[in-house]
Every structure is written in structure tokens, then in C-alpha cells.
Amino acid sequence: MGSEAIKGHLDSLILAVIAEGPLHGYAIIEELKRRSGGVFDLPEGTIYPALHRLEHAGLLDSEWNTETGRKRRVYRLTRSGGAKLGLDRVEWQRFAQGIAAVLQPPARPATS
């Protein structure tokens, strides 16, 4: 899927992945790819600026971690991030229902 198609939804997708538990950037990329069945195979250059933006907005928090012997920044959802994700989910449901209603062919009346 092209970056244009995902543009308005990337932040919500990242928040949803991190809501399951703290992750470092590459793990976020892999989880987005896994959950989407490969549809969201995004480059690091797309994810890291979004992570920095979300952290700056107070929706994510991060800390350096060296658990695996490798120094990585691990991101976690803040309370504000959880609230934003909840709102995004409601908004997405309305949006998806609206799109489906328009794209579905109209029901044809039954003929006797």
C-alpha cells in the first residue's frame, strides 16, 4: 500500500501496535507488517519521524533499553496516547462504515 493511502492513519496504526506493549522502532515496523498481512510494509524513514512526532505530542513515551545487548529506544503509550487511540478507533469505525456504504452496490429490489 502506498504511503499516500496510509498518510492519515499512520499515527493511529502505531498507537494501536504499541498499545499491546512497549516496542522499539523496528519491532513496530515488523508488527505492522505482520498484523496487516504484509500490506503495511513501511520503511524506517516513515516510522521514525512518526514516532518522534507522537512522542513530542505526549502520546508516546520512550526510554533507552539494552536488554538484548543492543541499545534501542523503546516506545510505550502514555495515558493521553491511550485516550487518543480510543477516539481514533471510534472515528475509524464511522469512516469505514461510511466508505462501505458508498462503495457497496445498492441493494436491488427483489422481483417476483
PDB file of N, CA and C in Angstrom:
ATOM      1  N   MET A   1       0.853  -1.174   0.000  1.00  0.00           N
ATOM      2  CA  MET A   1       0.000   0.000   0.000  1.00  0.00           C
ATOM      3  C   MET A   1       0.892   1.227   0.000  1.00  0.00           C
ATOM      4  N   GLY A   2       0.571   2.182  -0.824  1.00  0.00           N
ATOM      5  CA  GLY A   2       1.371   3.386  -0.954  1.00  0.00           C
ATOM      6  C   GLY A   2       1.306   4.272   0.278  1.00  0.00           C
ATOM      7  N   SER A   3       2.352   5.063   0.450  1.00  0.00           N
ATOM      8  CA  SER A   3       2.411   5.942   1.613  1.00  0.00           C
ATOM      9  C   SER A   3       1.309   6.990   1.603  1.00  0.00           C
ATOM     10  N   GLU A   4       0.834   7.376   0.426  1.00  0.00           N
ATOM     11  CA  GLU A   4      -0.262   8.355   0.343  1.00  0.00           C
ATOM     12  C   GLU A   4      -1.543   7.793   0.956  1.00  0.00           C
ATOM     13  N   ALA A   5      -1.820   6.527   0.704  1.00  0.00           N
ATOM     14  CA  ALA A   5      -3.049   5.900   1.193  1.00  0.00           C
ATOM     15  C   ALA A   5      -3.042   5.757   2.711  1.00  0.00           C
ATOM     16  N   ILE A   6      -1.882   5.612   3.298  1.00  0.00           N
ATOM     17  CA  ILE A   6      -1.782   5.384   4.738  1.00  0.00           C
ATOM     18  C   ILE A   6      -1.590   6.672   5.529  1.00  0.00           C
ATOM     19  N   LYS A   7      -1.296   7.763   4.843  1.00  0.00           N
ATOM     20  CA  LYS A   7      -0.896   9.018   5.486  1.00  0.00           C
ATOM     21  C   LYS A   7      -1.751   9.419   6.686  1.00  0.00           C
ATOM     22  N   GLY A   8      -3.032   9.493   6.533  1.00  0.00           N
ATOM     23  CA  GLY A   8      -3.879   9.967   7.622  1.00  0.00           C
ATOM     24  C   GLY A   8      -4.117   8.965   8.729  1.00  0.00           C
ATOM     25  N   HIS A   9      -3.568   7.757   8.576  1.00  0.00           N
ATOM     26  CA  HIS A   9      -3.859   6.702   9.546  1.00  0.00           C
ATOM     27  C   HIS A   9      -2.623   6.155  10.249  1.00  0.00           C
ATOM     28  N   LEU A  10      -1.453   6.590   9.839  1.00  0.00           N
ATOM     29  CA  LEU A  10      -0.218   6.034  10.377  1.00  0.00           C
ATOM     30  C   LEU A  10      -0.127   6.187  11.889  1.00  0.00           C
ATOM     31  N   ASP A  11      -0.425   7.367  12.397  1.00  0.00           N
ATOM     32  CA  ASP A  11      -0.318   7.587  13.843  1.00  0.00           C
ATOM     33  C   ASP A  11      -1.216   6.621  14.606  1.00  0.00           C
ATOM     34  N   SER A  12      -2.442   6.442  14.148  1.00  0.00           N
ATOM     35  CA  SER A  12      -3.374   5.527  14.810  1.00  0.00           C
ATOM     36  C   SER A  12      -2.864   4.092  14.760  1.00  0.00           C
ATOM     37  N   LEU A  13      -2.303   3.697  13.629  1.00  0.00           N
ATOM     38  CA  LEU A  13      -1.772   2.338  13.498  1.00  0.00           C
ATOM     39  C   LEU A  13      -0.613   2.112  14.465  1.00  0.00           C
ATOM     40  N   ILE A  14       0.258   3.090  14.578  1.00  0.00           N
ATOM     41  CA  ILE A  14       1.388   2.979  15.504  1.00  0.00           C
ATOM     42  C   ILE A  14       0.889   2.907  16.942  1.00  0.00           C
ATOM     43  N   LEU A  15      -0.046   3.778  17.299  1.00  0.00           N
ATOM     44  CA  LEU A  15      -0.587   3.752  18.661  1.00  0.00           C
ATOM     45  C   LEU A  15      -1.227   2.397  18.967  1.00  0.00           C
ATOM     46  N   ALA A  16      -1.944   1.834  18.009  1.00  0.00           N
ATOM     47  CA  ALA A  16      -2.613   0.544  18.222  1.00  0.00           C
ATOM     48  C   ALA A  16      -1.597  -0.574  18.450  1.00  0.00           C
ATOM     49  N   VAL A  17      -0.509  -0.555  17.710  1.00  0.00           N
ATOM     50  CA  VAL A  17       0.519  -1.588  17.873  1.00  0.00           C
ATOM     51  C   VAL A  17       1.192  -1.449  19.233  1.00  0.00           C
ATOM     52  N   ILE A  18       1.518  -0.233  19.626  1.00  0.00           N
ATOM     53  CA  ILE A  18       2.214  -0.014  20.893  1.00  0.00           C
ATOM     54  C   ILE A  18       1.280  -0.226  22.081  1.00  0.00           C
ATOM     55  N   ALA A  19      -0.019  -0.123  21.878  1.00  0.00           N
ATOM     56  CA  ALA A  19      -0.983  -0.353  22.964  1.00  0.00           C
ATOM     57  C   ALA A  19      -0.863  -1.767  23.526  1.00  0.00           C
ATOM     58  N   GLU A  20      -0.371  -2.694  22.729  1.00  0.00           N
ATOM     59  CA  GLU A  20      -0.208  -4.080  23.172  1.00  0.00           C
ATOM     60  C   GLU A  20       0.994  -4.242  24.096  1.00  0.00           C
ATOM     61  N   GLY A  21       1.885  -3.262  24.098  1.00  0.00           N
ATOM     62  CA  GLY A  21       3.063  -3.321  24.954  1.00  0.00           C
ATOM     63  C   GLY A  21       4.206  -2.548  24.327  1.00  0.00           C
ATOM     64  N   PRO A  22       5.191  -2.152  25.127  1.00  0.00           N
ATOM     65  CA  PRO A  22       6.310  -1.353  24.644  1.00  0.00           C
ATOM     66  C   PRO A  22       7.082  -2.080  23.534  1.00  0.00           C
ATOM     67  N   LEU A  23       7.498  -1.319  22.530  1.00  0.00           N
ATOM     68  CA  LEU A  23       8.251  -1.864  21.398  1.00  0.00           C
ATOM     69  C   LEU A  23       9.273  -0.856  20.906  1.00  0.00           C
ATOM     70  N   HIS A  24      10.337  -1.366  20.307  1.00  0.00           N
ATOM     71  CA  HIS A  24      11.304  -0.492  19.640  1.00  0.00           C
ATOM     72  C   HIS A  24      10.858  -0.313  18.186  1.00  0.00           C
ATOM     73  N   GLY A  25      11.452   0.650  17.507  1.00  0.00           N
ATOM     74  CA  GLY A  25      11.015   1.035  16.168  1.00  0.00           C
ATOM     75  C   GLY A  25      10.938  -0.095  15.167  1.00  0.00           C
ATOM     76  N   TYR A  26      11.983  -0.909  15.087  1.00  0.00           N
ATOM     77  CA  TYR A  26      11.973  -1.994  14.104  1.00  0.00           C
ATOM     78  C   TYR A  26      10.873  -3.005  14.430  1.00  0.00           C
ATOM     79  N   ALA A  27      10.649  -3.277  15.712  1.00  0.00           N
ATOM     80  CA  ALA A  27       9.585  -4.208  16.107  1.00  0.00           C
ATOM     81  C   ALA A  27       8.214  -3.646  15.732  1.00  0.00           C
ATOM     82  N   ILE A  28       8.059  -2.340  15.792  1.00  0.00           N
ATOM     83  CA  ILE A  28       6.802  -1.698  15.382  1.00  0.00           C
ATOM     84  C   ILE A  28       6.584  -1.916  13.883  1.00  0.00           C
ATOM     85  N   ILE A  29       7.630  -1.722  13.104  1.00  0.00           N
ATOM     86  CA  ILE A  29       7.554  -1.941  11.655  1.00  0.00           C
ATOM     87  C   ILE A  29       7.150  -3.382  11.369  1.00  0.00           C
ATOM     88  N   GLU A  30       7.794  -4.325  12.035  1.00  0.00           N
ATOM     89  CA  GLU A  30       7.504  -5.743  11.817  1.00  0.00           C
ATOM     90  C   GLU A  30       6.087  -6.110  12.263  1.00  0.00           C
ATOM     91  N   GLU A  31       5.635  -5.527  13.354  1.00  0.00           N
ATOM     92  CA  GLU A  31       4.285  -5.832  13.852  1.00  0.00           C
ATOM     93  C   GLU A  31       3.224  -5.260  12.919  1.00  0.00           C
ATOM     94  N   LEU A  32       3.442  -4.072  12.392  1.00  0.00           N
ATOM     95  CA  LEU A  32       2.512  -3.510  11.407  1.00  0.00           C
ATOM     96  C   LEU A  32       2.439  -4.409  10.176  1.00  0.00           C
ATOM     97  N   LYS A  33       3.573  -4.876   9.745  1.00  0.00           N
ATOM     98  CA  LYS A  33       3.628  -5.766   8.580  1.00  0.00           C
ATOM     99  C   LYS A  33       2.914  -7.088   8.886  1.00  0.00           C
ATOM    100  N   ARG A  34       3.187  -7.664  10.046  1.00  0.00           N
ATOM    101  CA  ARG A  34       2.583  -8.943  10.421  1.00  0.00           C
ATOM    102  C   ARG A  34       1.071  -8.837  10.531  1.00  0.00           C
ATOM    103  N   ARG A  35       0.608  -7.838  11.290  1.00  0.00           N
ATOM    104  CA  ARG A  35      -0.839  -7.685  11.519  1.00  0.00           C
ATOM    105  C   ARG A  35      -1.607  -7.384  10.244  1.00  0.00           C
ATOM    106  N   SER A  36      -0.959  -6.718   9.320  1.00  0.00           N
ATOM    107  CA  SER A  36      -1.651  -6.336   8.079  1.00  0.00           C
ATOM    108  C   SER A  36      -1.479  -7.378   6.980  1.00  0.00           C
ATOM    109  N   GLY A  37      -0.862  -8.483   7.293  1.00  0.00           N
ATOM    110  CA  GLY A  37      -0.629  -9.495   6.284  1.00  0.00           C
ATOM    111  C   GLY A  37       0.296  -9.013   5.186  1.00  0.00           C
ATOM    112  N   GLY A  38       1.223  -8.123   5.533  1.00  0.00           N
ATOM    113  CA  GLY A  38       2.199  -7.618   4.573  1.00  0.00           C
ATOM    114  C   GLY A  38       1.758  -6.368   3.823  1.00  0.00           C
ATOM    115  N   VAL A  39       0.527  -5.929   4.044  1.00  0.00           N
ATOM    116  CA  VAL A  39       0.031  -4.728   3.353  1.00  0.00           C
ATOM    117  C   VAL A  39       0.813  -3.499   3.791  1.00  0.00           C
ATOM    118  N   PHE A  40       1.103  -3.397   5.078  1.00  0.00           N
ATOM    119  CA  PHE A  40       1.846  -2.252   5.596  1.00  0.00           C
ATOM    120  C   PHE A  40       3.308  -2.648   5.810  1.00  0.00           C
ATOM    121  N   ASP A  41       4.072  -2.625   4.755  1.00  0.00           N
ATOM    122  CA  ASP A  41       5.499  -2.909   4.803  1.00  0.00           C
ATOM    123  C   ASP A  41       6.203  -1.565   4.645  1.00  0.00           C
ATOM    124  N   LEU A  42       6.341  -0.866   5.762  1.00  0.00           N
ATOM    125  CA  LEU A  42       6.778   0.529   5.730  1.00  0.00           C
ATOM    126  C   LEU A  42       8.264   0.677   6.017  1.00  0.00           C
ATOM    127  N   PRO A  43       8.906   1.623   5.352  1.00  0.00           N
ATOM    128  CA  PRO A  43      10.331   1.854   5.596  1.00  0.00           C
ATOM    129  C   PRO A  43      10.559   2.603   6.908  1.00  0.00           C
ATOM    130  N   GLU A  44      11.753   2.449   7.433  1.00  0.00           N
ATOM    131  CA  GLU A  44      12.114   3.137   8.674  1.00  0.00           C
ATOM    132  C   GLU A  44      11.921   4.639   8.552  1.00  0.00           C
ATOM    133  N   GLY A  45      12.175   5.187   7.374  1.00  0.00           N
ATOM    134  CA  GLY A  45      12.044   6.620   7.155  1.00  0.00           C
ATOM    135  C   GLY A  45      10.621   7.128   7.289  1.00  0.00           C
ATOM    136  N   THR A  46       9.667   6.231   7.302  1.00  0.00           N
ATOM    137  CA  THR A  46       8.269   6.599   7.521  1.00  0.00           C
ATOM    138  C   THR A  46       7.915   6.499   9.002  1.00  0.00           C
ATOM    139  N   ILE A  47       8.392   5.450   9.649  1.00  0.00           N
ATOM    140  CA  ILE A  47       8.009   5.168  11.041  1.00  0.00           C
ATOM    141  C   ILE A  47       8.705   6.087  12.046  1.00  0.00           C
ATOM    142  N   TYR A  48      10.018   6.259  11.919  1.00  0.00           N
ATOM    143  CA  TYR A  48      10.737   7.014  12.950  1.00  0.00           C
ATOM    144  C   TYR A  48      10.305   8.475  13.070  1.00  0.00           C
ATOM    145  N   PRO A  49      10.074   9.188  11.982  1.00  0.00           N
ATOM    146  CA  PRO A  49       9.556  10.547  12.151  1.00  0.00           C
ATOM    147  C   PRO A  49       8.190  10.570  12.844  1.00  0.00           C
ATOM    148  N   ALA A  50       7.360   9.576  12.545  1.00  0.00           N
ATOM    149  CA  ALA A  50       6.045   9.500  13.197  1.00  0.00           C
ATOM    150  C   ALA A  50       6.201   9.221  14.695  1.00  0.00           C
ATOM    151  N   LEU A  51       7.124   8.346  15.060  1.00  0.00           N
ATOM    152  CA  LEU A  51       7.374   8.060  16.482  1.00  0.00           C
ATOM    153  C   LEU A  51       7.831   9.316  17.211  1.00  0.00           C
ATOM    154  N   HIS A  52       8.732  10.067  16.605  1.00  0.00           N
ATOM    155  CA  HIS A  52       9.219  11.312  17.221  1.00  0.00           C
ATOM    156  C   HIS A  52       8.080  12.319  17.358  1.00  0.00           C
ATOM    157  N   ARG A  53       7.236  12.414  16.338  1.00  0.00           N
ATOM    158  CA  ARG A  53       6.096  13.332  16.373  1.00  0.00           C
ATOM    159  C   ARG A  53       5.122  12.940  17.485  1.00  0.00           C
ATOM    160  N   LEU A  54       4.828  11.653  17.606  1.00  0.00           N
ATOM    161  CA  LEU A  54       3.897  11.174  18.632  1.00  0.00           C
ATOM    162  C   LEU A  54       4.467  11.375  20.032  1.00  0.00           C
ATOM    163  N   GLU A  55       5.769  11.184  20.160  1.00  0.00           N
ATOM    164  CA  GLU A  55       6.397  11.407  21.459  1.00  0.00           C
ATOM    165  C   GLU A  55       6.375  12.894  21.814  1.00  0.00           C
ATOM    166  N   HIS A  56       6.688  13.730  20.855  1.00  0.00           N
ATOM    167  CA  HIS A  56       6.670  15.185  21.077  1.00  0.00           C
ATOM    168  C   HIS A  56       5.261  15.658  21.465  1.00  0.00           C
ATOM    169  N   ALA A  57       4.236  15.017  20.918  1.00  0.00           N
ATOM    170  CA  ALA A  57       2.841  15.373  21.218  1.00  0.00           C
ATOM    171  C   ALA A  57       2.372  14.803  22.561  1.00  0.00           C
ATOM    172  N   GLY A  58       3.218  14.012  23.222  1.00  0.00           N
ATOM    173  CA  GLY A  58       2.855  13.457  24.527  1.00  0.00           C
ATOM    174  C   GLY A  58       2.013  12.191  24.439  1.00  0.00           C
ATOM    175  N   LEU A  59       1.927  11.596  23.250  1.00  0.00           N
ATOM    176  CA  LEU A  59       1.124  10.383  23.075  1.00  0.00           C
ATOM    177  C   LEU A  59       1.946   9.121  23.301  1.00  0.00           C
ATOM    178  N   LEU A  60       3.254   9.248  23.196  1.00  0.00           N
ATOM    179  CA  LEU A  60       4.191   8.160  23.476  1.00  0.00           C
ATOM    180  C   LEU A  60       5.256   8.647  24.427  1.00  0.00           C
ATOM    181  N   ASP A  61       5.825   7.707  25.125  1.00  0.00           N
ATOM    182  CA  ASP A  61       6.974   7.959  25.977  1.00  0.00           C
ATOM    183  C   ASP A  61       8.039   6.955  25.529  1.00  0.00           C
ATOM    184  N   SER A  62       9.294   7.250  25.748  1.00  0.00           N
ATOM    185  CA  SER A  62      10.336   6.309  25.338  1.00  0.00           C
ATOM    186  C   SER A  62      11.487   6.324  26.326  1.00  0.00           C
ATOM    187  N   GLU A  63      12.264   5.250  26.257  1.00  0.00           N
ATOM    188  CA  GLU A  63      13.488   5.160  27.046  1.00  0.00           C
ATOM    189  C   GLU A  63      14.448   4.220  26.332  1.00  0.00           C
ATOM    190  N   TRP A  64      15.713   4.405  26.600  1.00  0.00           N
ATOM    191  CA  TRP A  64      16.717   3.532  26.004  1.00  0.00           C
ATOM    192  C   TRP A  64      16.728   2.215  26.757  1.00  0.00           C
ATOM    193  N   ASN A  65      16.894   1.125  26.007  1.00  0.00           N
ATOM    194  CA  ASN A  65      16.892  -0.209  26.578  1.00  0.00           C
ATOM    195  C   ASN A  65      18.036  -0.991  25.950  1.00  0.00           C
ATOM    196  N   THR A  66      18.736  -1.759  26.762  1.00  0.00           N
ATOM    197  CA  THR A  66      19.828  -2.590  26.248  1.00  0.00           C
ATOM    198  C   THR A  66      19.627  -4.049  26.636  1.00  0.00           C
ATOM    199  N   GLU A  67      18.383  -4.485  26.783  1.00  0.00           N
ATOM    200  CA  GLU A  67      18.070  -5.853  27.196  1.00  0.00           C
ATOM    201  C   GLU A  67      18.708  -6.914  26.317  1.00  0.00           C
ATOM    202  N   THR A  68      18.677  -6.748  25.040  1.00  0.00           N
ATOM    203  CA  THR A  68      19.201  -7.750  24.114  1.00  0.00           C
ATOM    204  C   THR A  68      20.679  -7.521  23.803  1.00  0.00           C
ATOM    205  N   GLY A  69      21.317  -6.659  24.578  1.00  0.00           N
ATOM    206  CA  GLY A  69      22.708  -6.340  24.321  1.00  0.00           C
ATOM    207  C   GLY A  69      22.881  -5.258  23.265  1.00  0.00           C
ATOM    208  N   ARG A  70      21.790  -4.839  22.718  1.00  0.00           N
ATOM    209  CA  ARG A  70      21.798  -3.796  21.695  1.00  0.00           C
ATOM    210  C   ARG A  70      21.002  -2.606  22.222  1.00  0.00           C
ATOM    211  N   LYS A  71      21.554  -1.425  22.089  1.00  0.00           N
ATOM    212  CA  LYS A  71      20.883  -0.234  22.597  1.00  0.00           C
ATOM    213  C   LYS A  71      19.764   0.178  21.645  1.00  0.00           C
ATOM    214  N   ARG A  72      18.525   0.197  22.166  1.00  0.00           N
ATOM    215  CA  ARG A  72      17.355   0.550  21.361  1.00  0.00           C
ATOM    216  C   ARG A  72      16.432   1.458  22.158  1.00  0.00           C
ATOM    217  N   ARG A  73      15.774   2.354  21.441  1.00  0.00           N
ATOM    218  CA  ARG A  73      14.763   3.206  22.080  1.00  0.00           C
ATOM    219  C   ARG A  73      13.443   2.449  22.042  1.00  0.00           C
ATOM    220  N   VAL A  74      12.848   2.270  23.208  1.00  0.00           N
ATOM    221  CA  VAL A  74      11.590   1.539  23.341  1.00  0.00           C
ATOM    222  C   VAL A  74      10.480   2.541  23.627  1.00  0.00           C
ATOM    223  N   TYR A  75       9.391   2.411  22.885  1.00  0.00           N
ATOM    224  CA  TYR A  75       8.262   3.338  22.981  1.00  0.00           C
ATOM    225  C   TYR A  75       7.102   2.676  23.697  1.00  0.00           C
ATOM    226  N   ARG A  76       6.405   3.483  24.507  1.00  0.00           N
ATOM    227  CA  ARG A  76       5.198   2.994  25.183  1.00  0.00           C
ATOM    228  C   ARG A  76       4.133   4.070  25.111  1.00  0.00           C
ATOM    229  N   LEU A  77       2.902   3.644  25.174  1.00  0.00           N
ATOM    230  CA  LEU A  77       1.759   4.547  25.118  1.00  0.00           C
ATOM    231  C   LEU A  77       1.629   5.317  26.428  1.00  0.00           C
ATOM    232  N   THR A  78       1.343   6.594  26.353  1.00  0.00           N
ATOM    233  CA  THR A  78       1.028   7.376  27.546  1.00  0.00           C
ATOM    234  C   THR A  78      -0.486   7.313  27.764  1.00  0.00           C
ATOM    235  N   ARG A  79      -0.944   7.847  28.858  1.00  0.00           N
ATOM    236  CA  ARG A  79      -2.382   7.908  29.111  1.00  0.00           C
ATOM    237  C   ARG A  79      -3.080   8.704  28.007  1.00  0.00           C
ATOM    238  N   SER A  80      -2.456   9.813  27.607  1.00  0.00           N
ATOM    239  CA  SER A  80      -3.011  10.624  26.513  1.00  0.00           C
ATOM    240  C   SER A  80      -3.037   9.840  25.207  1.00  0.00           C
ATOM    241  N   GLY A  81      -2.002   9.036  24.968  1.00  0.00           N
ATOM    242  CA  GLY A  81      -1.949   8.209  23.770  1.00  0.00           C
ATOM    243  C   GLY A  81      -3.065   7.175  23.757  1.00  0.00           C
ATOM    244  N   GLY A  82      -3.355   6.596  24.920  1.00  0.00           N
ATOM    245  CA  GLY A  82      -4.451   5.628  25.019  1.00  0.00           C
ATOM    246  C   GLY A  82      -5.794   6.278  24.740  1.00  0.00           C
ATOM    247  N   ALA A  83      -5.974   7.489  25.271  1.00  0.00           N
ATOM    248  CA  ALA A  83      -7.227   8.220  25.030  1.00  0.00           C
ATOM    249  C   ALA A  83      -7.369   8.569  23.550  1.00  0.00           C
ATOM    250  N   LYS A  84      -6.273   9.008  22.935  1.00  0.00           N
ATOM    251  CA  LYS A  84      -6.292   9.346  21.509  1.00  0.00           C
ATOM    252  C   LYS A  84      -6.602   8.111  20.669  1.00  0.00           C
ATOM    253  N   LEU A  85      -6.024   6.987  21.026  1.00  0.00           N
ATOM    254  CA  LEU A  85      -6.286   5.743  20.305  1.00  0.00           C
ATOM    255  C   LEU A  85      -7.762   5.371  20.406  1.00  0.00           C
ATOM    256  N   GLY A  86      -8.357   5.533  21.569  1.00  0.00           N
ATOM    257  CA  GLY A  86      -9.785   5.253  21.727  1.00  0.00           C
ATOM    258  C   GLY A  86     -10.633   6.115  20.803  1.00  0.00           C
ATOM    259  N   LEU A  87     -10.331   7.394  20.739  1.00  0.00           N
ATOM    260  CA  LEU A  87     -11.054   8.304  19.842  1.00  0.00           C
ATOM    261  C   LEU A  87     -10.824   7.931  18.381  1.00  0.00           C
ATOM    262  N   ASP A  88      -9.586   7.588  18.051  1.00  0.00           N
ATOM    263  CA  ASP A  88      -9.262   7.209  16.668  1.00  0.00           C
ATOM    264  C   ASP A  88     -10.030   5.960  16.246  1.00  0.00           C
ATOM    265  N   ARG A  89     -10.183   5.024  17.163  1.00  0.00           N
ATOM    266  CA  ARG A  89     -10.912   3.792  16.835  1.00  0.00           C
ATOM    267  C   ARG A  89     -12.379   4.080  16.536  1.00  0.00           C
ATOM    268  N   VAL A  90     -12.984   4.946  17.330  1.00  0.00           N
ATOM    269  CA  VAL A  90     -14.384   5.324  17.096  1.00  0.00           C
ATOM    270  C   VAL A  90     -14.513   6.043  15.754  1.00  0.00           C
ATOM    271  N   GLU A  91     -13.604   6.987  15.523  1.00  0.00           N
ATOM    272  CA  GLU A  91     -13.619   7.743  14.262  1.00  0.00           C
ATOM    273  C   GLU A  91     -13.416   6.809  13.072  1.00  0.00           C
ATOM    274  N   TRP A  92     -12.510   5.841  13.204  1.00  0.00           N
ATOM    275  CA  TRP A  92     -12.251   4.904  12.112  1.00  0.00           C
ATOM    276  C   TRP A  92     -13.497   4.068  11.809  1.00  0.00           C
ATOM    277  N   GLN A  93     -14.200   3.619  12.831  1.00  0.00           N
ATOM    278  CA  GLN A  93     -15.414   2.826  12.613  1.00  0.00           C
ATOM    279  C   GLN A  93     -16.445   3.618  11.810  1.00  0.00           C
ATOM    280  N   ARG A  94     -16.640   4.867  12.175  1.00  0.00           N
ATOM    281  CA  ARG A  94     -17.579   5.719  11.427  1.00  0.00           C
ATOM    282  C   ARG A  94     -17.120   5.909   9.987  1.00  0.00           C
ATOM    283  N   PHE A  95     -15.848   6.168   9.807  1.00  0.00           N
ATOM    284  CA  PHE A  95     -15.284   6.381   8.482  1.00  0.00           C
ATOM    285  C   PHE A  95     -15.434   5.115   7.627  1.00  0.00           C
ATOM    286  N   ALA A  96     -15.051   3.974   8.193  1.00  0.00           N
ATOM    287  CA  ALA A  96     -15.121   2.705   7.454  1.00  0.00           C
ATOM    288  C   ALA A  96     -16.568   2.371   7.085  1.00  0.00           C
ATOM    289  N   GLN A  97     -17.493   2.622   7.983  1.00  0.00           N
ATOM    290  CA  GLN A  97     -18.907   2.370   7.678  1.00  0.00           C
ATOM    291  C   GLN A  97     -19.383   3.284   6.554  1.00  0.00           C
ATOM    292  N   GLY A  98     -18.959   4.536   6.585  1.00  0.00           N
ATOM    293  CA  GLY A  98     -19.340   5.477   5.536  1.00  0.00           C
ATOM    294  C   GLY A  98     -18.775   5.076   4.184  1.00  0.00           C
ATOM    295  N   ILE A  99     -17.519   4.689   4.151  1.00  0.00           N
ATOM    296  CA  ILE A  99     -16.890   4.238   2.905  1.00  0.00           C
ATOM    297  C   ILE A  99     -17.609   3.003   2.375  1.00  0.00           C
ATOM    298  N   ALA A 100     -17.859   2.034   3.264  1.00  0.00           N
ATOM    299  CA  ALA A 100     -18.537   0.802   2.849  1.00  0.00           C
ATOM    300  C   ALA A 100     -19.918   1.109   2.286  1.00  0.00           C
ATOM    301  N   ALA A 101     -20.621   2.039   2.920  1.00  0.00           N
ATOM    302  CA  ALA A 101     -21.971   2.379   2.465  1.00  0.00           C
ATOM    303  C   ALA A 101     -21.937   2.983   1.058  1.00  0.00           C
ATOM    304  N   VAL A 102     -20.907   3.732   0.754  1.00  0.00           N
ATOM    305  CA  VAL A 102     -20.805   4.350  -0.566  1.00  0.00           C
ATOM    306  C   VAL A 102     -20.299   3.349  -1.609  1.00  0.00           C
ATOM    307  N   LEU A 103     -19.331   2.533  -1.262  1.00  0.00           N
ATOM    308  CA  LEU A 103     -18.727   1.620  -2.223  1.00  0.00           C
ATOM    309  C   LEU A 103     -19.568   0.373  -2.517  1.00  0.00           C
ATOM    310  N   GLN A 104     -20.410  -0.016  -1.575  1.00  0.00           N
ATOM    311  CA  GLN A 104     -21.248  -1.192  -1.787  1.00  0.00           C
ATOM    312  C   GLN A 104     -22.281  -0.872  -2.861  1.00  0.00           C
ATOM    313  N   PRO A 105     -22.522  -1.791  -3.775  1.00  0.00           N
ATOM    314  CA  PRO A 105     -23.570  -1.538  -4.746  1.00  0.00           C
ATOM    315  C   PRO A 105     -24.918  -1.483  -4.036  1.00  0.00           C
ATOM    316  N   PRO A 106     -25.815  -0.627  -4.499  1.00  0.00           N
ATOM    317  CA  PRO A 106     -27.110  -0.524  -3.830  1.00  0.00           C
ATOM    318  C   PRO A 106     -27.871  -1.845  -3.952  1.00  0.00           C
ATOM    319  N   ALA A 107     -28.628  -2.151  -2.911  1.00  0.00           N
ATOM    320  CA  ALA A 107     -29.426  -3.370  -2.925  1.00  0.00           C
ATOM    321  C   ALA A 107     -30.529  -3.210  -3.988  1.00  0.00           C
ATOM    322  N   ARG A 108     -30.699  -4.225  -4.751  1.00  0.00           N
ATOM    323  CA  ARG A 108     -31.728  -4.190  -5.791  1.00  0.00           C
ATOM    324  C   ARG A 108     -32.991  -4.801  -5.221  1.00  0.00           C
ATOM    325  N   PRO A 109     -34.112  -4.185  -5.534  1.00  0.00           N
ATOM    326  CA  PRO A 109     -35.367  -4.752  -5.022  1.00  0.00           C
ATOM    327  C   PRO A 109     -35.614  -6.129  -5.623  1.00  0.00           C
ATOM    328  N   ALA A 110     -36.168  -6.977  -4.802  1.00  0.00           N
ATOM    329  CA  ALA A 110     -36.482  -8.346  -5.270  1.00  0.00           C
ATOM    330  C   ALA A 110     -37.596  -8.270  -6.298  1.00  0.00           C
ATOM    331  N   THR A 111     -37.455  -9.061  -7.329  1.00  0.00           N
ATOM    332  CA  THR A 111     -38.509  -9.110  -8.359  1.00  0.00           C
ATOM    333  C   THR A 111     -39.298 -10.383  -8.163  1.00  0.00           C
ATOM    334  N   SER A 112     -40.581 -10.321  -8.460  1.00  0.00           N
ATOM    335  CA  SER A 112     -41.401 -11.512  -8.283  1.00  0.00           C
ATOM    336  C   SER A 112     -41.704 -12.205  -9.563  1.00  0.00           C
TER     337      SER A 112
END
